[in-house]
């Protein structure tokens, strides 16, 4: 899908270092359009994040998925 392709391109273009990628994955409900008009974009993000092709690209690029807590722990080890 289009969003998966875009995320894979983004992942493959990353330079070494820390990168934060934000996505808003949402399975919209019937009330979501009353909250935001971003439902289709958010659903696209969700589907991309569930796509095995994106997971493979992340693994192929040896990207470490982490949390802020883990990142801070890694940083403390370097100092």
Protein backbone atom coordinates (compact mmCIF):
# COMPACT_ATOMS: atom_id res chain seq x y z
CA UNK A 1 0.00 0.00 0.00
CA UNK A 2 0.99 3.62 -0.45
CA UNK A 3 1.64 4.38 3.23
CA UNK A 4 3.72 1.24 3.68
CA UNK A 5 5.83 2.20 0.68
CA UNK A 6 6.37 5.70 2.08
CA UNK A 7 7.37 4.39 5.50
CA UNK A 8 9.77 1.90 3.91
CA UNK A 9 11.34 4.71 1.87
CA UNK A 10 11.68 6.73 5.06
CA UNK A 11 13.24 3.85 6.96
CA UNK A 12 15.73 3.16 4.18
CA UNK A 13 16.77 6.80 3.99
CA UNK A 14 17.62 7.15 7.69
CA UNK A 15 21.13 8.11 8.67
CA UNK A 16 22.82 6.55 11.72
CA UNK A 17 21.67 8.08 14.97
CA UNK A 18 18.46 8.59 16.83
CA UNK A 19 15.31 9.27 14.85
CA UNK A 20 11.81 9.70 16.17
CA UNK A 21 9.05 8.75 13.78
CA UNK A 22 5.53 9.61 14.85
CA UNK A 23 2.45 8.00 13.47
CA UNK A 24 -1.11 8.01 14.71
CA UNK A 25 -2.44 4.51 14.19
CA UNK A 26 -6.19 4.37 14.57
CA UNK A 27 -8.93 1.94 13.77
CA UNK A 28 -11.65 4.53 13.41
CA UNK A 29 -15.15 4.06 14.73
CA UNK A 30 -18.38 5.69 13.68
CA UNK A 31 -17.77 8.56 16.11
CA UNK A 32 -14.21 9.32 14.97
CA UNK A 33 -15.28 11.72 12.19
CA UNK A 34 -16.82 13.90 14.91
CA UNK A 35 -13.41 14.12 16.59
CA UNK A 36 -11.10 14.50 13.61
CA UNK A 37 -11.11 14.31 9.84
CA UNK A 38 -7.79 12.44 9.89
CA UNK A 39 -9.36 8.98 10.05
CA UNK A 40 -8.19 7.77 6.63
CA UNK A 41 -4.61 8.92 7.27
CA UNK A 42 -4.57 7.29 10.69
CA UNK A 43 -5.99 4.06 9.32
CA UNK A 44 -3.30 4.10 6.63
CA UNK A 45 -0.67 4.47 9.37
CA UNK A 46 -2.18 1.55 11.26
CA UNK A 47 -2.23 -0.69 8.21
CA UNK A 48 1.35 0.25 7.34
CA UNK A 49 2.55 -0.55 10.86
CA UNK A 50 0.89 -3.97 10.61
CA UNK A 51 2.40 -4.73 7.20
CA UNK A 52 5.07 -7.47 7.24
CA UNK A 53 6.93 -5.62 4.47
CA UNK A 54 7.58 -2.68 6.79
CA UNK A 55 8.69 -5.00 9.58
CA UNK A 56 11.12 -6.66 7.16
CA UNK A 57 12.51 -3.29 6.04
CA UNK A 58 13.08 -2.28 9.66
CA UNK A 59 14.88 -5.56 10.32
CA UNK A 60 16.89 -5.35 7.09
CA UNK A 61 18.10 -1.87 8.03
CA UNK A 62 19.02 -3.14 11.52
CA UNK A 63 16.90 -0.46 13.14
CA UNK A 64 16.38 -0.74 16.86
CA UNK A 65 12.85 0.10 17.94
CA UNK A 66 13.09 1.61 21.39
CA UNK A 67 11.34 3.71 23.99
CA UNK A 68 12.44 6.97 25.57
CA UNK A 69 13.27 5.07 28.76
CA UNK A 70 15.47 2.59 26.91
CA UNK A 71 17.10 5.40 24.98
CA UNK A 72 18.01 7.19 28.20
CA UNK A 73 19.42 3.96 29.66
CA UNK A 74 21.55 3.48 26.54
CA UNK A 75 22.74 7.07 26.79
CA UNK A 76 23.77 6.61 30.43
CA UNK A 77 25.88 3.59 29.43
CA UNK A 78 27.83 5.69 26.92
CA UNK A 79 28.73 8.48 29.34
